[in-house]
Amino acid sequence: MDGPDGRLRTSGLLRYTQDLAAQHSEALGYDRAWYAGRGLTWLVRAAEVKVLGAIPYGVQLLGTTRVVGFRRVWSRRESSFSLDGEGVAVVRIDWVLLDRRGAPTRIPFEFETFF
C-alpha cells in the first residue's frame, strides 16, 4: 500500500475509507450479516479524492466519516483524515445500493433515522 517514496498510495487511502464506512455502518447496527440477510451490497459509483498533505506509510491516521446525502438508490459519504491534528485527505464517495441480482435498489426507509 505504500509507494516507492514511502507514502500511502491513493488505493490504500480508498481502502481506509471503505473500512471506515463499514465500521460506521456496523456501529449503527447495519453489519455485514444485516446486508447479507437482505441480499444487499454497496458499489462505488464515483470517488473524489483530495490529498491535502503527505501521508507517510505506516503512520496512525484519525478518520471520520458521515453520510452527507442520499436519494433513492445512492448515498454520498464524506470521510476526512488527519495526521497529528492536521487534515491530510478528504474522500467523497457516491455509493449505489444493489440487490441480489446486482441491480440498483431503493435504500431502506429505516436508514433515514440514522443517516
PDB file of N, CA and C in Angstrom:
ATOM      1  N   MET A   1       0.806  -1.191   0.000  1.00  0.00           N
ATOM      2  CA  MET A   1       0.000   0.000   0.000  1.00  0.00           C
ATOM      3  C   MET A   1       0.849   1.255   0.000  1.00  0.00           C
ATOM      4  N   ASP A   2       2.165   1.115   0.089  1.00  0.00           N
ATOM      5  CA  ASP A   2       2.996   2.312   0.018  1.00  0.00           C
ATOM      6  C   ASP A   2       3.707   2.353  -1.321  1.00  0.00           C
ATOM      7  N   GLY A   3       4.010   3.565  -1.730  1.00  0.00           N
ATOM      8  CA  GLY A   3       4.701   3.762  -2.997  1.00  0.00           C
ATOM      9  C   GLY A   3       6.202   3.772  -2.794  1.00  0.00           C
ATOM     10  N   PRO A   4       6.937   3.948  -3.887  1.00  0.00           N
ATOM     11  CA  PRO A   4       8.395   3.965  -3.801  1.00  0.00           C
ATOM     12  C   PRO A   4       8.935   5.121  -2.956  1.00  0.00           C
ATOM     13  N   ASP A   5       8.104   6.152  -2.763  1.00  0.00           N
ATOM     14  CA  ASP A   5       8.532   7.292  -1.952  1.00  0.00           C
ATOM     15  C   ASP A   5       8.204   7.121  -0.464  1.00  0.00           C
ATOM     16  N   GLY A   6       7.633   5.950  -0.097  1.00  0.00           N
ATOM     17  CA  GLY A   6       7.310   5.688   1.297  1.00  0.00           C
ATOM     18  C   GLY A   6       6.007   6.310   1.762  1.00  0.00           C
ATOM     19  N   ARG A   7       5.231   6.828   0.826  1.00  0.00           N
ATOM     20  CA  ARG A   7       3.944   7.451   1.181  1.00  0.00           C
ATOM     21  C   ARG A   7       2.791   6.520   0.852  1.00  0.00           C
ATOM     22  N   LEU A   8       1.713   6.727   1.564  1.00  0.00           N
ATOM     23  CA  LEU A   8       0.497   5.958   1.348  1.00  0.00           C
ATOM     24  C   LEU A   8      -0.030   6.237  -0.056  1.00  0.00           C
ATOM     25  N   ARG A   9      -0.332   5.182  -0.792  1.00  0.00           N
ATOM     26  CA  ARG A   9      -0.914   5.347  -2.131  1.00  0.00           C
ATOM     27  C   ARG A   9      -2.394   5.674  -2.016  1.00  0.00           C
ATOM     28  N   THR A  10      -2.938   6.230  -3.084  1.00  0.00           N
ATOM     29  CA  THR A  10      -4.364   6.540  -3.120  1.00  0.00           C
ATOM     30  C   THR A  10      -5.201   5.288  -2.913  1.00  0.00           C
ATOM     31  N   SER A  11      -4.769   4.159  -3.474  1.00  0.00           N
ATOM     32  CA  SER A  11      -5.523   2.908  -3.304  1.00  0.00           C
ATOM     33  C   SER A  11      -5.599   2.526  -1.827  1.00  0.00           C
ATOM     34  N   GLY A  12      -4.553   2.772  -1.075  1.00  0.00           N
ATOM     35  CA  GLY A  12      -4.562   2.497   0.366  1.00  0.00           C
ATOM     36  C   GLY A  12      -5.527   3.415   1.098  1.00  0.00           C
ATOM     37  N   LEU A  13      -5.538   4.679   0.707  1.00  0.00           N
ATOM     38  CA  LEU A  13      -6.463   5.636   1.302  1.00  0.00           C
ATOM     39  C   LEU A  13      -7.907   5.234   1.026  1.00  0.00           C
ATOM     40  N   LEU A  14      -8.179   4.739  -0.175  1.00  0.00           N
ATOM     41  CA  LEU A  14      -9.529   4.276  -0.503  1.00  0.00           C
ATOM     42  C   LEU A  14      -9.912   3.051   0.321  1.00  0.00           C
ATOM     43  N   ARG A  15      -8.961   2.179   0.595  1.00  0.00           N
ATOM     44  CA  ARG A  15      -9.252   1.020   1.461  1.00  0.00           C
ATOM     45  C   ARG A  15      -9.607   1.484   2.876  1.00  0.00           C
ATOM     46  N   TYR A  16      -8.851   2.463   3.387  1.00  0.00           N
ATOM     47  CA  TYR A  16      -9.152   3.003   4.712  1.00  0.00           C
ATOM     48  C   TYR A  16     -10.560   3.595   4.722  1.00  0.00           C
ATOM     49  N   THR A  17     -10.912   4.293   3.650  1.00  0.00           N
ATOM     50  CA  THR A  17     -12.226   4.912   3.541  1.00  0.00           C
ATOM     51  C   THR A  17     -13.328   3.856   3.560  1.00  0.00           C
ATOM     52  N   GLN A  18     -13.121   2.774   2.831  1.00  0.00           N
ATOM     53  CA  GLN A  18     -14.091   1.678   2.797  1.00  0.00           C
ATOM     54  C   GLN A  18     -14.236   1.057   4.187  1.00  0.00           C
ATOM     55  N   ASP A  19     -13.129   0.810   4.863  1.00  0.00           N
ATOM     56  CA  ASP A  19     -13.172   0.230   6.203  1.00  0.00           C
ATOM     57  C   ASP A  19     -13.886   1.159   7.187  1.00  0.00           C
ATOM     58  N   LEU A  20     -13.628   2.443   7.079  1.00  0.00           N
ATOM     59  CA  LEU A  20     -14.261   3.418   7.960  1.00  0.00           C
ATOM     60  C   LEU A  20     -15.776   3.439   7.746  1.00  0.00           C
ATOM     61  N   ALA A  21     -16.210   3.359   6.487  1.00  0.00           N
ATOM     62  CA  ALA A  21     -17.644   3.324   6.182  1.00  0.00           C
ATOM     63  C   ALA A  21     -18.279   2.065   6.780  1.00  0.00           C
ATOM     64  N   ALA A  22     -17.608   0.936   6.657  1.00  0.00           N
ATOM     65  CA  ALA A  22     -18.131  -0.321   7.202  1.00  0.00           C
ATOM     66  C   ALA A  22     -18.233  -0.243   8.729  1.00  0.00           C
ATOM     67  N   GLN A  23     -17.226   0.324   9.380  1.00  0.00           N
ATOM     68  CA  GLN A  23     -17.256   0.453  10.836  1.00  0.00           C
ATOM     69  C   GLN A  23     -18.397   1.365  11.282  1.00  0.00           C
ATOM     70  N   HIS A  24     -18.612   2.432  10.537  1.00  0.00           N
ATOM     71  CA  HIS A  24     -19.699   3.355  10.861  1.00  0.00           C
ATOM     72  C   HIS A  24     -21.049   2.657  10.729  1.00  0.00           C
ATOM     73  N   SER A  25     -21.235   1.923   9.650  1.00  0.00           N
ATOM     74  CA  SER A  25     -22.478   1.191   9.425  1.00  0.00           C
ATOM     75  C   SER A  25     -22.702   0.146  10.525  1.00  0.00           C
ATOM     76  N   GLU A  26     -21.656  -0.590  10.871  1.00  0.00           N
ATOM     77  CA  GLU A  26     -21.750  -1.604  11.925  1.00  0.00           C
ATOM     78  C   GLU A  26     -22.117  -0.983  13.268  1.00  0.00           C
ATOM     79  N   ALA A  27     -21.535   0.175  13.568  1.00  0.00           N
ATOM     80  CA  ALA A  27     -21.822   0.843  14.839  1.00  0.00           C
ATOM     81  C   ALA A  27     -23.293   1.238  14.953  1.00  0.00           C
ATOM     82  N   LEU A  28     -23.945   1.419  13.813  1.00  0.00           N
ATOM     83  CA  LEU A  28     -25.362   1.778  13.802  1.00  0.00           C
ATOM     84  C   LEU A  28     -26.272   0.559  13.672  1.00  0.00           C
ATOM     85  N   GLY A  29     -25.671  -0.653  13.675  1.00  0.00           N
ATOM     86  CA  GLY A  29     -26.457  -1.873  13.638  1.00  0.00           C
ATOM     87  C   GLY A  29     -26.603  -2.511  12.268  1.00  0.00           C
ATOM     88  N   TYR A  30     -25.937  -1.954  11.273  1.00  0.00           N
ATOM     89  CA  TYR A  30     -26.015  -2.489   9.912  1.00  0.00           C
ATOM     90  C   TYR A  30     -24.678  -3.144   9.553  1.00  0.00           C
ATOM     91  N   ASP A  31     -24.478  -4.344  10.069  1.00  0.00           N
ATOM     92  CA  ASP A  31     -23.220  -5.049   9.816  1.00  0.00           C
ATOM     93  C   ASP A  31     -23.323  -5.904   8.552  1.00  0.00           C
ATOM     94  N   ARG A  32     -22.266  -6.626   8.255  1.00  0.00           N
ATOM     95  CA  ARG A  32     -22.244  -7.462   7.045  1.00  0.00           C
ATOM     96  C   ARG A  32     -23.369  -8.486   7.034  1.00  0.00           C
ATOM     97  N   ALA A  33     -23.673  -9.058   8.193  1.00  0.00           N
ATOM     98  CA  ALA A  33     -24.744 -10.049   8.280  1.00  0.00           C
ATOM     99  C   ALA A  33     -26.096  -9.416   7.953  1.00  0.00           C
ATOM    100  N   TRP A  34     -26.309  -8.178   8.376  1.00  0.00           N
ATOM    101  CA  TRP A  34     -27.557  -7.484   8.088  1.00  0.00           C
ATOM    102  C   TRP A  34     -27.728  -7.337   6.574  1.00  0.00           C
ATOM    103  N   TYR A  35     -26.672  -6.870   5.912  1.00  0.00           N
ATOM    104  CA  TYR A  35     -26.734  -6.708   4.448  1.00  0.00           C
ATOM    105  C   TYR A  35     -26.886  -8.062   3.745  1.00  0.00           C
ATOM    106  N   ALA A  36     -26.122  -9.052   4.184  1.00  0.00           N
ATOM    107  CA  ALA A  36     -26.174 -10.375   3.549  1.00  0.00           C
ATOM    108  C   ALA A  36     -27.563 -10.992   3.689  1.00  0.00           C
ATOM    109  N   GLY A  37     -28.182 -10.828   4.839  1.00  0.00           N
ATOM    110  CA  GLY A  37     -29.512 -11.376   5.069  1.00  0.00           C
ATOM    111  C   GLY A  37     -30.582 -10.776   4.168  1.00  0.00           C
ATOM    112  N   ARG A  38     -30.313  -9.610   3.644  1.00  0.00           N
ATOM    113  CA  ARG A  38     -31.252  -8.929   2.768  1.00  0.00           C
ATOM    114  C   ARG A  38     -30.797  -8.933   1.307  1.00  0.00           C
ATOM    115  N   GLY A  39     -29.639  -9.568   1.078  1.00  0.00           N
ATOM    116  CA  GLY A  39     -29.119  -9.640  -0.278  1.00  0.00           C
ATOM    117  C   GLY A  39     -28.694  -8.289  -0.833  1.00  0.00           C
ATOM    118  N   LEU A  40     -28.191  -7.421   0.032  1.00  0.00           N
ATOM    119  CA  LEU A  40     -27.800  -6.072  -0.369  1.00  0.00           C
ATOM    120  C   LEU A  40     -26.292  -5.892  -0.319  1.00  0.00           C
ATOM    121  N   THR A  41     -25.793  -5.058  -1.187  1.00  0.00           N
ATOM    122  CA  THR A  41     -24.370  -4.694  -1.170  1.00  0.00           C
ATOM    123  C   THR A  41     -24.214  -3.303  -1.773  1.00  0.00           C
ATOM    124  N   TRP A  42     -23.159  -2.627  -1.380  1.00  0.00           N
ATOM    125  CA  TRP A  42     -22.879  -1.291  -1.904  1.00  0.00           C
ATOM    126  C   TRP A  42     -21.808  -1.377  -2.980  1.00  0.00           C
ATOM    127  N   LEU A  43     -21.949  -0.567  -4.007  1.00  0.00           N
ATOM    128  CA  LEU A  43     -20.980  -0.475  -5.102  1.00  0.00           C
ATOM    129  C   LEU A  43     -20.573   0.982  -5.254  1.00  0.00           C
ATOM    130  N   VAL A  44     -19.281   1.231  -5.392  1.00  0.00           N
ATOM    131  CA  VAL A  44     -18.805   2.595  -5.594  1.00  0.00           C
ATOM    132  C   VAL A  44     -19.143   3.039  -7.019  1.00  0.00           C
ATOM    133  N   ARG A  45     -19.832   4.152  -7.125  1.00  0.00           N
ATOM    134  CA  ARG A  45     -20.184   4.719  -8.433  1.00  0.00           C
ATOM    135  C   ARG A  45     -19.156   5.765  -8.851  1.00  0.00           C
ATOM    136  N   ALA A  46     -18.722   6.577  -7.890  1.00  0.00           N
ATOM    137  CA  ALA A  46     -17.752   7.633  -8.180  1.00  0.00           C
ATOM    138  C   ALA A  46     -17.002   7.977  -6.903  1.00  0.00           C
ATOM    139  N   ALA A  47     -15.767   8.433  -7.066  1.00  0.00           N
ATOM    140  CA  ALA A  47     -14.961   8.839  -5.906  1.00  0.00           C
ATOM    141  C   ALA A  47     -14.188  10.108  -6.246  1.00  0.00           C
ATOM    142  N   GLU A  48     -14.151  10.993  -5.285  1.00  0.00           N
ATOM    143  CA  GLU A  48     -13.354  12.212  -5.385  1.00  0.00           C
ATOM    144  C   GLU A  48     -12.368  12.177  -4.223  1.00  0.00           C
ATOM    145  N   VAL A  49     -11.093  12.187  -4.535  1.00  0.00           N
ATOM    146  CA  VAL A  49     -10.054  12.096  -3.515  1.00  0.00           C
ATOM    147  C   VAL A  49      -9.217  13.372  -3.542  1.00  0.00           C
ATOM    148  N   LYS A  50      -9.133  14.036  -2.401  1.00  0.00           N
ATOM    149  CA  LYS A  50      -8.289  15.232  -2.271  1.00  0.00           C
ATOM    150  C   LYS A  50      -7.219  14.927  -1.237  1.00  0.00           C
ATOM    151  N   VAL A  51      -5.995  14.832  -1.680  1.00  0.00           N
ATOM    152  CA  VAL A  51      -4.872  14.639  -0.766  1.00  0.00           C
ATOM    153  C   VAL A  51      -4.311  16.027  -0.476  1.00  0.00           C
ATOM    154  N   LEU A  52      -4.392  16.429   0.784  1.00  0.00           N
ATOM    155  CA  LEU A  52      -4.023  17.783   1.186  1.00  0.00           C
ATOM    156  C   LEU A  52      -2.609  17.875   1.743  1.00  0.00           C
ATOM    157  N   GLY A  53      -2.035  16.721   2.050  1.00  0.00           N
ATOM    158  CA  GLY A  53      -0.695  16.704   2.609  1.00  0.00           C
ATOM    159  C   GLY A  53      -0.100  15.317   2.487  1.00  0.00           C
ATOM    160  N   ALA A  54       1.209  15.244   2.629  1.00  0.00           N
ATOM    161  CA  ALA A  54       1.905  13.960   2.529  1.00  0.00           C
ATOM    162  C   ALA A  54       1.452  13.032   3.659  1.00  0.00           C
ATOM    163  N   ILE A  55       1.222  11.764   3.308  1.00  0.00           N
ATOM    164  CA  ILE A  55       0.827  10.759   4.297  1.00  0.00           C
ATOM    165  C   ILE A  55       1.878   9.653   4.268  1.00  0.00           C
ATOM    166  N   PRO A  56       2.821   9.688   5.197  1.00  0.00           N
ATOM    167  CA  PRO A  56       3.827   8.626   5.232  1.00  0.00           C
ATOM    168  C   PRO A  56       3.166   7.284   5.508  1.00  0.00           C
ATOM    169  N   TYR A  57       3.663   6.247   4.893  1.00  0.00           N
ATOM    170  CA  TYR A  57       3.114   4.903   5.110  1.00  0.00           C
ATOM    171  C   TYR A  57       3.425   4.454   6.530  1.00  0.00           C
ATOM    172  N   GLY A  58       2.439   3.834   7.172  1.00  0.00           N
ATOM    173  CA  GLY A  58       2.649   3.261   8.494  1.00  0.00           C
ATOM    174  C   GLY A  58       2.317   4.174   9.659  1.00  0.00           C
ATOM    175  N   VAL A  59       1.889   5.422   9.378  1.00  0.00           N
ATOM    176  CA  VAL A  59       1.517   6.317  10.474  1.00  0.00           C
ATOM    177  C   VAL A  59       0.079   6.046  10.882  1.00  0.00           C
ATOM    178  N   GLN A  60      -0.293   6.534  12.044  1.00  0.00           N
ATOM    179  CA  GLN A  60      -1.655   6.371  12.513  1.00  0.00           C
ATOM    180  C   GLN A  60      -2.461   7.605  12.125  1.00  0.00           C
ATOM    181  N   LEU A  61      -3.485   7.381  11.282  1.00  0.00           N
ATOM    182  CA  LEU A  61      -4.359   8.464  10.859  1.00  0.00           C
ATOM    183  C   LEU A  61      -5.624   8.457  11.706  1.00  0.00           C
ATOM    184  N   LEU A  62      -6.211   9.622  11.879  1.00  0.00           N
ATOM    185  CA  LEU A  62      -7.523   9.722  12.501  1.00  0.00           C
ATOM    186  C   LEU A  62      -8.514   9.934  11.368  1.00  0.00           C
ATOM    187  N   GLY A  63      -9.520   9.063  11.284  1.00  0.00           N
ATOM    188  CA  GLY A  63     -10.519   9.171  10.225  1.00  0.00           C
ATOM    189  C   GLY A  63     -11.900   9.393  10.798  1.00  0.00           C
ATOM    190  N   THR A  64     -12.661  10.252  10.140  1.00  0.00           N
ATOM    191  CA  THR A  64     -14.063  10.460  10.476  1.00  0.00           C
ATOM    192  C   THR A  64     -14.869  10.309   9.197  1.00  0.00           C
ATOM    193  N   THR A  65     -16.121   9.913   9.343  1.00  0.00           N
ATOM    194  CA  THR A  65     -16.971   9.749   8.166  1.00  0.00           C
ATOM    195  C   THR A  65     -18.398  10.129   8.506  1.00  0.00           C
ATOM    196  N   ARG A  66     -19.120  10.542   7.479  1.00  0.00           N
ATOM    197  CA  ARG A  66     -20.532  10.861   7.648  1.00  0.00           C
ATOM    198  C   ARG A  66     -21.232  10.758   6.301  1.00  0.00           C
ATOM    199  N   VAL A  67     -22.489  10.436   6.361  1.00  0.00           N
ATOM    200  CA  VAL A  67     -23.315  10.421   5.158  1.00  0.00           C
ATOM    201  C   VAL A  67     -23.791  11.854   4.963  1.00  0.00           C
ATOM    202  N   VAL A  68     -23.519  12.434   3.796  1.00  0.00           N
ATOM    203  CA  VAL A  68     -23.866  13.831   3.547  1.00  0.00           C
ATOM    204  C   VAL A  68     -25.064  13.973   2.618  1.00  0.00           C
ATOM    205  N   GLY A  69     -25.574  12.854   2.106  1.00  0.00           N
ATOM    206  CA  GLY A  69     -26.766  12.907   1.272  1.00  0.00           C
ATOM    207  C   GLY A  69     -27.111  11.539   0.720  1.00  0.00           C
ATOM    208  N   PHE A  70     -28.400  11.370   0.395  1.00  0.00           N
ATOM    209  CA  PHE A  70     -28.809  10.134  -0.276  1.00  0.00           C
ATOM    210  C   PHE A  70     -30.142  10.364  -0.950  1.00  0.00           C
ATOM    211  N   ARG A  71     -30.348   9.598  -1.982  1.00  0.00           N
ATOM    212  CA  ARG A  71     -31.610   9.568  -2.723  1.00  0.00           C
ATOM    213  C   ARG A  71     -31.871   8.136  -3.114  1.00  0.00           C
ATOM    214  N   ARG A  72     -32.988   7.852  -3.575  1.00  0.00           N
ATOM    215  CA  ARG A  72     -33.487   6.524  -3.935  1.00  0.00           C
ATOM    216  C   ARG A  72     -32.492   5.374  -3.856  1.00  0.00           C
ATOM    217  N   VAL A  73     -31.471   5.326  -4.704  1.00  0.00           N
ATOM    218  CA  VAL A  73     -30.583   4.159  -4.761  1.00  0.00           C
ATOM    219  C   VAL A  73     -29.126   4.493  -4.442  1.00  0.00           C
ATOM    220  N   TRP A  74     -28.798   5.771  -4.187  1.00  0.00           N
ATOM    221  CA  TRP A  74     -27.402   6.125  -3.949  1.00  0.00           C
ATOM    222  C   TRP A  74     -27.244   6.912  -2.656  1.00  0.00           C
ATOM    223  N   SER A  75     -26.022   6.871  -2.160  1.00  0.00           N
ATOM    224  CA  SER A  75     -25.669   7.579  -0.939  1.00  0.00           C
ATOM    225  C   SER A  75     -24.302   8.230  -1.136  1.00  0.00           C
ATOM    226  N   ARG A  76     -24.148   9.432  -0.642  1.00  0.00           N
ATOM    227  CA  ARG A  76     -22.850  10.119  -0.701  1.00  0.00           C
ATOM    228  C   ARG A  76     -22.294  10.189   0.707  1.00  0.00           C
ATOM    229  N   ARG A  77     -21.052   9.753   0.833  1.00  0.00           N
ATOM    230  CA  ARG A  77     -20.359   9.722   2.116  1.00  0.00           C
ATOM    231  C   ARG A  77     -19.081  10.539   1.990  1.00  0.00           C
ATOM    232  N   GLU A  78     -18.797  11.321   3.035  1.00  0.00           N
ATOM    233  CA  GLU A  78     -17.566  12.104   3.067  1.00  0.00           C
ATOM    234  C   GLU A  78     -16.727  11.632   4.243  1.00  0.00           C
ATOM    235  N   SER A  79     -15.484  11.325   3.970  1.00  0.00           N
ATOM    236  CA  SER A  79     -14.550  10.889   5.011  1.00  0.00           C
ATOM    237  C   SER A  79     -13.364  11.824   5.020  1.00  0.00           C
ATOM    238  N   SER A  80     -12.917  12.186   6.214  1.00  0.00           N
ATOM    239  CA  SER A  80     -11.770  13.075   6.373  1.00  0.00           C
ATOM    240  C   SER A  80     -10.703  12.367   7.201  1.00  0.00           C
ATOM    241  N   PHE A  81      -9.469  12.622   6.849  1.00  0.00           N
ATOM    242  CA  PHE A  81      -8.343  12.002   7.545  1.00  0.00           C
ATOM    243  C   PHE A  81      -7.376  13.085   8.004  1.00  0.00           C
ATOM    244  N   SER A  82      -6.899  12.920   9.238  1.00  0.00           N
ATOM    245  CA  SER A  82      -5.932  13.875   9.768  1.00  0.00           C
ATOM    246  C   SER A  82      -4.747  13.138  10.383  1.00  0.00           C
ATOM    247  N   LEU A  83      -3.651  13.825  10.403  1.00  0.00           N
ATOM    248  CA  LEU A  83      -2.401  13.318  10.948  1.00  0.00           C
ATOM    249  C   LEU A  83      -1.857  14.387  11.876  1.00  0.00           C
ATOM    250  N   ASP A  84      -1.695  14.047  13.140  1.00  0.00           N
ATOM    251  CA  ASP A  84      -1.210  15.000  14.146  1.00  0.00           C
ATOM    252  C   ASP A  84      -2.044  16.280  14.166  1.00  0.00           C
ATOM    253  N   GLY A  85      -3.366  16.128  14.028  1.00  0.00           N
ATOM    254  CA  GLY A  85      -4.276  17.269  14.100  1.00  0.00           C
ATOM    255  C   GLY A  85      -4.416  18.074  12.825  1.00  0.00           C
ATOM    256  N   GLU A  86      -3.716  17.687  11.784  1.00  0.00           N
ATOM    257  CA  GLU A  86      -3.769  18.427  10.517  1.00  0.00           C
ATOM    258  C   GLU A  86      -4.456  17.581   9.447  1.00  0.00           C
ATOM    259  N   GLY A  87      -5.425  18.179   8.759  1.00  0.00           N
ATOM    260  CA  GLY A  87      -6.133  17.464   7.701  1.00  0.00           C
ATOM    261  C   GLY A  87      -5.194  17.099   6.559  1.00  0.00           C
ATOM    262  N   VAL A  88      -5.199  15.821   6.176  1.00  0.00           N
ATOM    263  CA  VAL A  88      -4.315  15.377   5.092  1.00  0.00           C
ATOM    264  C   VAL A  88      -5.073  14.810   3.897  1.00  0.00           C
ATOM    265  N   ALA A  89      -6.376  14.501   4.075  1.00  0.00           N
ATOM    266  CA  ALA A  89      -7.140  13.960   2.940  1.00  0.00           C
ATOM    267  C   ALA A  89      -8.635  14.059   3.202  1.00  0.00           C
ATOM    268  N   VAL A  90      -9.376  14.243   2.112  1.00  0.00           N
ATOM    269  CA  VAL A  90     -10.834  14.209   2.134  1.00  0.00           C
ATOM    270  C   VAL A  90     -11.268  13.324   0.968  1.00  0.00           C
ATOM    271  N   VAL A  91     -12.156  12.374   1.262  1.00  0.00           N
ATOM    272  CA  VAL A  91     -12.634  11.456   0.230  1.00  0.00           C
ATOM    273  C   VAL A  91     -14.157  11.510   0.214  1.00  0.00           C
ATOM    274  N   ARG A  92     -14.710  11.789  -0.959  1.00  0.00           N
ATOM    275  CA  ARG A  92     -16.164  11.751  -1.145  1.00  0.00           C
ATOM    276  C   ARG A  92     -16.476  10.610  -2.099  1.00  0.00           C
ATOM    277  N   ILE A  93     -17.382   9.739  -1.670  1.00  0.00           N
ATOM    278  CA  ILE A  93     -17.738   8.583  -2.498  1.00  0.00           C
ATOM    279  C   ILE A  93     -19.247   8.532  -2.669  1.00  0.00           C
ATOM    280  N   ASP A  94     -19.671   8.318  -3.904  1.00  0.00           N
ATOM    281  CA  ASP A  94     -21.069   8.025  -4.199  1.00  0.00           C
ATOM    282  C   ASP A  94     -21.203   6.517  -4.293  1.00  0.00           C
ATOM    283  N   TRP A  95     -22.072   5.958  -3.461  1.00  0.00           N
ATOM    284  CA  TRP A  95     -22.316   4.522  -3.409  1.00  0.00           C
ATOM    285  C   TRP A  95     -23.699   4.239  -3.970  1.00  0.00           C
ATOM    286  N   VAL A  96     -23.850   3.121  -4.660  1.00  0.00           N
ATOM    287  CA  VAL A  96     -25.142   2.672  -5.158  1.00  0.00           C
ATOM    288  C   VAL A  96     -25.471   1.358  -4.472  1.00  0.00           C
ATOM    289  N   LEU A  97     -26.689   1.243  -3.949  1.00  0.00           N
ATOM    290  CA  LEU A  97     -27.117   0.025  -3.279  1.00  0.00           C
ATOM    291  C   LEU A  97     -27.649  -0.969  -4.311  1.00  0.00           C
ATOM    292  N   LEU A  98     -27.124  -2.204  -4.261  1.00  0.00           N
ATOM    293  CA  LEU A  98     -27.514  -3.244  -5.209  1.00  0.00           C
ATOM    294  C   LEU A  98     -28.238  -4.377  -4.498  1.00  0.00           C
ATOM    295  N   ASP A  99     -29.172  -5.012  -5.232  1.00  0.00           N
ATOM    296  CA  ASP A  99     -29.870  -6.175  -4.695  1.00  0.00           C
ATOM    297  C   ASP A  99     -29.159  -7.459  -5.101  1.00  0.00           C
ATOM    298  N   ARG A 100     -29.765  -8.600  -4.819  1.00  0.00           N
ATOM    299  CA  ARG A 100     -29.154  -9.906  -5.112  1.00  0.00           C
ATOM    300  C   ARG A 100     -28.805 -10.088  -6.589  1.00  0.00           C
ATOM    301  N   ARG A 101     -29.584  -9.452  -7.455  1.00  0.00           N
ATOM    302  CA  ARG A 101     -29.348  -9.587  -8.899  1.00  0.00           C
ATOM    303  C   ARG A 101     -28.251  -8.653  -9.401  1.00  0.00           C
ATOM    304  N   GLY A 102     -27.813  -7.747  -8.532  1.00  0.00           N
ATOM    305  CA  GLY A 102     -26.825  -6.756  -8.945  1.00  0.00           C
ATOM    306  C   GLY A 102     -27.462  -5.522  -9.546  1.00  0.00           C
ATOM    307  N   ALA A 103     -28.759  -5.368  -9.350  1.00  0.00           N
ATOM    308  CA  ALA A 103     -29.494  -4.214  -9.869  1.00  0.00           C
ATOM    309  C   ALA A 103     -29.637  -3.157  -8.772  1.00  0.00           C
ATOM    310  N   PRO A 104     -29.575  -1.877  -9.134  1.00  0.00           N
ATOM    311  CA  PRO A 104     -29.795  -0.834  -8.135  1.00  0.00           C
ATOM    312  C   PRO A 104     -31.150  -1.017  -7.451  1.00  0.00           C
ATOM    313  N   THR A 105     -31.161  -0.793  -6.143  1.00  0.00           N
ATOM    314  CA  THR A 105     -32.396  -0.951  -5.372  1.00  0.00           C
ATOM    315  C   THR A 105     -32.534   0.204  -4.386  1.00  0.00           C
ATOM    316  N   ARG A 106     -33.745   0.462  -3.991  1.00  0.00           N
ATOM    317  CA  ARG A 106     -34.058   1.580  -3.104  1.00  0.00           C
ATOM    318  C   ARG A 106     -33.394   1.393  -1.735  1.00  0.00           C
ATOM    319  N   ILE A 107     -32.881   2.485  -1.213  1.00  0.00           N
ATOM    320  CA  ILE A 107     -32.287   2.477   0.128  1.00  0.00           C
ATOM    321  C   ILE A 107     -33.408   2.266   1.144  1.00  0.00           C
ATOM    322  N   PRO A 108     -33.226   1.353   2.101  1.00  0.00           N
ATOM    323  CA  PRO A 108     -34.277   1.076   3.082  1.00  0.00           C
ATOM    324  C   PRO A 108     -34.705   2.337   3.836  1.00  0.00           C
ATOM    325  N   PHE A 109     -35.993   2.450   4.058  1.00  0.00           N
ATOM    326  CA  PHE A 109     -36.569   3.603   4.750  1.00  0.00           C
ATOM    327  C   PHE A 109     -35.925   3.820   6.119  1.00  0.00           C
ATOM    328  N   GLU A 110     -35.619   2.739   6.806  1.00  0.00           N
ATOM    329  CA  GLU A 110     -35.064   2.850   8.162  1.00  0.00           C
ATOM    330  C   GLU A 110     -33.725   3.582   8.208  1.00  0.00           C
ATOM    331  N   PHE A 111     -33.004   3.688   7.096  1.00  0.00           N
ATOM    332  CA  PHE A 111     -31.736   4.404   7.077  1.00  0.00           C
ATOM    333  C   PHE A 111     -31.922   5.885   7.354  1.00  0.00           C
ATOM    334  N   GLU A 112     -33.082   6.418   7.019  1.00  0.00           N
ATOM    335  CA  GLU A 112     -33.326   7.856   7.233  1.00  0.00           C
ATOM    336  C   GLU A 112     -33.185   8.242   8.690  1.00  0.00           C
ATOM    337  N   THR A 113     -33.452   7.329   9.598  1.00  0.00           N
ATOM    338  CA  THR A 113     -33.332   7.603  11.029  1.00  0.00           C
ATOM    339  C   THR A 113     -31.884   7.924  11.404  1.00  0.00           C
ATOM    340  N   PHE A 114     -30.938   7.206  10.826  1.00  0.00           N
ATOM    341  CA  PHE A 114     -29.538   7.351  11.194  1.00  0.00           C
ATOM    342  C   PHE A 114     -28.743   8.249  10.257  1.00  0.00           C
ATOM    343  N   PHE A 115     -29.133   8.283   9.001  1.00  0.00           N
ATOM    344  CA  PHE A 115     -28.316   8.979   8.014  1.00  0.00           C
ATOM    345  C   PHE A 115     -29.025  10.205   7.474  1.00  0.00           C
TER     346      PHE A 115
END
